[in-house]
Amino acid sequence: MQGAQGCRDDVRRAPSPDDRRKVIVEPVGKPAGLDRAMAPARQRIGELLADYTPEQLAVLFDYFARASDAYQAAVEELRTAGTD
Protein backbone atom coordinates (compact mmCIF):
# COMPACT_ATOMS: atom_id res chain seq x y z
CA MET A 1 0.00 0.00 0.00
CA GLN A 2 1.18 3.50 -0.68
CA GLY A 3 0.93 6.41 1.69
CA ALA A 4 1.85 10.06 1.36
CA GLN A 5 4.22 11.03 -1.44
CA GLY A 6 4.07 7.56 -3.04
CA CYS A 7 5.84 5.86 -0.10
CA ARG A 8 4.87 2.34 0.87
CA ASP A 9 3.30 1.96 4.31
CA ASP A 10 4.53 -1.61 4.87
CA VAL A 11 8.25 -0.89 4.45
CA ARG A 12 10.67 1.77 5.56
CA ARG A 13 14.04 2.89 4.31
CA ALA A 14 16.98 2.93 6.71
CA PRO A 15 20.61 3.84 6.12
CA SER A 16 23.06 0.96 6.09
CA PRO A 17 25.27 1.02 9.19
CA ASP A 18 28.20 -0.32 7.13
CA ASP A 19 27.96 1.69 3.92
CA ARG A 20 26.53 5.19 3.71
CA ARG A 21 25.79 4.68 0.00
CA LYS A 22 23.32 1.89 0.73
CA VAL A 23 19.74 2.04 1.89
CA ILE A 24 18.12 -0.96 3.57
CA VAL A 25 14.42 -1.57 2.97
CA GLU A 26 12.88 -3.07 6.11
CA PRO A 27 9.38 -4.45 6.65
CA VAL A 28 7.16 -2.52 9.04
CA GLY A 29 4.64 -4.76 10.74
CA LYS A 30 2.87 -7.54 8.92
CA PRO A 31 1.86 -6.89 5.30
CA ALA A 32 -1.88 -6.66 4.78
CA GLY A 33 -3.32 -9.85 3.35
CA LEU A 34 -0.30 -12.00 4.19
CA ASP A 35 -2.29 -14.62 6.09
CA ARG A 36 -4.85 -14.86 3.30
CA ALA A 37 -2.12 -15.17 0.65
CA MET A 38 -0.23 -17.83 2.60
CA ALA A 39 -3.27 -19.90 3.64
CA PRO A 40 -3.26 -22.25 0.62
CA ALA A 41 0.45 -23.00 1.00
CA ARG A 42 0.09 -23.55 4.74
CA GLN A 43 -2.82 -25.93 4.09
CA ARG A 44 -0.82 -27.96 1.57
CA ILE A 45 2.27 -28.10 3.79
CA GLY A 46 0.13 -29.21 6.73
CA GLU A 47 -1.31 -32.01 4.60
CA LEU A 48 2.16 -33.04 3.48
CA LEU A 49 3.55 -33.10 7.04
CA ALA A 50 0.58 -35.17 8.25
CA ASP A 51 2.03 -38.14 6.32
CA TYR A 52 5.19 -38.25 8.47
CA THR A 53 5.66 -40.03 11.79
CA PRO A 54 6.61 -37.98 14.85
CA GLU A 55 10.16 -39.33 14.57
CA GLN A 56 10.41 -38.29 10.93
CA LEU A 57 9.03 -34.85 11.76
CA ALA A 58 11.67 -34.47 14.48
CA VAL A 59 14.41 -35.15 11.91
CA LEU A 60 12.87 -32.76 9.39
CA PHE A 61 12.46 -29.94 11.91
CA ASP A 62 15.99 -30.48 13.22
CA TYR A 63 17.30 -30.22 9.67
CA PHE A 64 15.31 -27.06 8.91
CA ALA A 65 16.48 -25.38 12.12
CA ARG A 66 20.11 -26.27 11.51
CA ALA A 67 19.96 -25.34 7.82
CA SER A 68 18.41 -21.99 8.72
CA ASP A 69 21.25 -21.31 11.15
CA ALA A 70 23.80 -22.29 8.48
CA TYR A 71 22.23 -19.94 5.91
CA GLN A 72 22.15 -17.09 8.43
CA ALA A 73 25.82 -17.64 9.27
CA ALA A 74 26.68 -17.64 5.56
CA VAL A 75 24.79 -14.38 5.05
CA GLU A 76 26.70 -12.79 7.93
CA GLU A 77 29.99 -13.99 6.44
CA LEU A 78 29.05 -12.42 3.11
CA ARG A 79 28.09 -9.16 4.80
CA THR A 80 31.30 -8.90 6.80
CA ALA A 81 33.44 -9.96 3.83
CA GLY A 82 32.21 -6.90 1.96
CA THR A 83 33.39 -4.54 4.72
CA ASP A 84 37.02 -5.70 4.83
C-alpha atoms as a PDB file:
ATOM      1  CA  MET A   1       0.000   0.000   0.000  1.00  0.00           C
ATOM      2  CA  GLN A   2       1.182   3.499  -0.683  1.00  0.00           C
ATOM      3  CA  GLY A   3       0.934   6.413   1.692  1.00  0.00           C
ATOM      4  CA  ALA A   4       1.855  10.058   1.356  1.00  0.00           C
ATOM      5  CA  GLN A   5       4.222  11.028  -1.444  1.00  0.00           C
ATOM      6  CA  GLY A   6       4.068   7.562  -3.038  1.00  0.00           C
ATOM      7  CA  CYS A   7       5.843   5.863  -0.103  1.00  0.00           C
ATOM      8  CA  ARG A   8       4.866   2.344   0.870  1.00  0.00           C
ATOM      9  CA  ASP A   9       3.300   1.958   4.314  1.00  0.00           C
ATOM     10  CA  ASP A  10       4.532  -1.615   4.866  1.00  0.00           C
ATOM     11  CA  VAL A  11       8.251  -0.890   4.452  1.00  0.00           C
ATOM     12  CA  ARG A  12      10.673   1.773   5.563  1.00  0.00           C
ATOM     13  CA  ARG A  13      14.044   2.891   4.314  1.00  0.00           C
ATOM     14  CA  ALA A  14      16.976   2.926   6.715  1.00  0.00           C
ATOM     15  CA  PRO A  15      20.612   3.844   6.117  1.00  0.00           C
ATOM     16  CA  SER A  16      23.062   0.958   6.087  1.00  0.00           C
ATOM     17  CA  PRO A  17      25.267   1.025   9.188  1.00  0.00           C
ATOM     18  CA  ASP A  18      28.200  -0.318   7.130  1.00  0.00           C
ATOM     19  CA  ASP A  19      27.964   1.690   3.917  1.00  0.00           C
ATOM     20  CA  ARG A  20      26.526   5.189   3.709  1.00  0.00           C
ATOM     21  CA  ARG A  21      25.791   4.682   0.001  1.00  0.00           C
ATOM     22  CA  LYS A  22      23.318   1.888   0.729  1.00  0.00           C
ATOM     23  CA  VAL A  23      19.738   2.036   1.894  1.00  0.00           C
ATOM     24  CA  ILE A  24      18.116  -0.962   3.573  1.00  0.00           C
ATOM     25  CA  VAL A  25      14.417  -1.574   2.971  1.00  0.00           C
ATOM     26  CA  GLU A  26      12.877  -3.065   6.114  1.00  0.00           C
ATOM     27  CA  PRO A  27       9.378  -4.447   6.655  1.00  0.00           C
ATOM     28  CA  VAL A  28       7.157  -2.521   9.039  1.00  0.00           C
ATOM     29  CA  GLY A  29       4.641  -4.756  10.739  1.00  0.00           C
ATOM     30  CA  LYS A  30       2.873  -7.538   8.915  1.00  0.00           C
ATOM     31  CA  PRO A  31       1.857  -6.886   5.296  1.00  0.00           C
ATOM     32  CA  ALA A  32      -1.881  -6.664   4.776  1.00  0.00           C
ATOM     33  CA  GLY A  33      -3.319  -9.850   3.355  1.00  0.00           C
ATOM     34  CA  LEU A  34      -0.296 -12.001   4.187  1.00  0.00           C
ATOM     35  CA  ASP A  35      -2.290 -14.622   6.093  1.00  0.00           C
ATOM     36  CA  ARG A  36      -4.847 -14.859   3.295  1.00  0.00           C
ATOM     37  CA  ALA A  37      -2.122 -15.166   0.648  1.00  0.00           C
ATOM     38  CA  MET A  38      -0.229 -17.832   2.597  1.00  0.00           C
ATOM     39  CA  ALA A  39      -3.271 -19.896   3.643  1.00  0.00           C
ATOM     40  CA  PRO A  40      -3.259 -22.251   0.621  1.00  0.00           C
ATOM     41  CA  ALA A  41       0.454 -23.004   0.995  1.00  0.00           C
ATOM     42  CA  ARG A  42       0.089 -23.548   4.742  1.00  0.00           C
ATOM     43  CA  GLN A  43      -2.818 -25.929   4.095  1.00  0.00           C
ATOM     44  CA  ARG A  44      -0.815 -27.962   1.570  1.00  0.00           C
ATOM     45  CA  ILE A  45       2.274 -28.096   3.788  1.00  0.00           C
ATOM     46  CA  GLY A  46       0.135 -29.213   6.727  1.00  0.00           C
ATOM     47  CA  GLU A  47      -1.314 -32.009   4.604  1.00  0.00           C
ATOM     48  CA  LEU A  48       2.163 -33.042   3.484  1.00  0.00           C
ATOM     49  CA  LEU A  49       3.545 -33.099   7.038  1.00  0.00           C
ATOM     50  CA  ALA A  50       0.584 -35.174   8.247  1.00  0.00           C
ATOM     51  CA  ASP A  51       2.031 -38.139   6.318  1.00  0.00           C
ATOM     52  CA  TYR A  52       5.190 -38.248   8.469  1.00  0.00           C
ATOM     53  CA  THR A  53       5.661 -40.030  11.786  1.00  0.00           C
ATOM     54  CA  PRO A  54       6.608 -37.982  14.854  1.00  0.00           C
ATOM     55  CA  GLU A  55      10.160 -39.325  14.571  1.00  0.00           C
ATOM     56  CA  GLN A  56      10.415 -38.294  10.930  1.00  0.00           C
ATOM     57  CA  LEU A  57       9.032 -34.849  11.757  1.00  0.00           C
ATOM     58  CA  ALA A  58      11.666 -34.468  14.477  1.00  0.00           C
ATOM     59  CA  VAL A  59      14.409 -35.155  11.912  1.00  0.00           C
ATOM     60  CA  LEU A  60      12.871 -32.755   9.385  1.00  0.00           C
ATOM     61  CA  PHE A  61      12.463 -29.942  11.907  1.00  0.00           C
ATOM     62  CA  ASP A  62      15.988 -30.482  13.217  1.00  0.00           C
ATOM     63  CA  TYR A  63      17.305 -30.218   9.670  1.00  0.00           C
ATOM     64  CA  PHE A  64      15.309 -27.065   8.908  1.00  0.00           C
ATOM     65  CA  ALA A  65      16.482 -25.378  12.121  1.00  0.00           C
ATOM     66  CA  ARG A  66      20.113 -26.274  11.512  1.00  0.00           C
ATOM     67  CA  ALA A  67      19.960 -25.336   7.818  1.00  0.00           C
ATOM     68  CA  SER A  68      18.406 -21.989   8.721  1.00  0.00           C
ATOM     69  CA  ASP A  69      21.248 -21.305  11.152  1.00  0.00           C
ATOM     70  CA  ALA A  70      23.799 -22.286   8.484  1.00  0.00           C
ATOM     71  CA  TYR A  71      22.231 -19.942   5.913  1.00  0.00           C
ATOM     72  CA  GLN A  72      22.146 -17.092   8.430  1.00  0.00           C
ATOM     73  CA  ALA A  73      25.815 -17.642   9.267  1.00  0.00           C
ATOM     74  CA  ALA A  74      26.679 -17.644   5.556  1.00  0.00           C
ATOM     75  CA  VAL A  75      24.786 -14.383   5.054  1.00  0.00           C
ATOM     76  CA  GLU A  76      26.697 -12.788   7.933  1.00  0.00           C
ATOM     77  CA  GLU A  77      29.990 -13.989   6.439  1.00  0.00           C
ATOM     78  CA  LEU A  78      29.051 -12.416   3.113  1.00  0.00           C
ATOM     79  CA  ARG A  79      28.090  -9.161   4.801  1.00  0.00           C
ATOM     80  CA  THR A  80      31.303  -8.902   6.799  1.00  0.00           C
ATOM     81  CA  ALA A  81      33.439  -9.956   3.833  1.00  0.00           C
ATOM     82  CA  GLY A  82      32.211  -6.899   1.963  1.00  0.00           C
ATOM     83  CA  THR A  83      33.391  -4.539   4.717  1.00  0.00           C
ATOM     84  CA  ASP A  84      37.018  -5.696   4.825  1.00  0.00           C
END
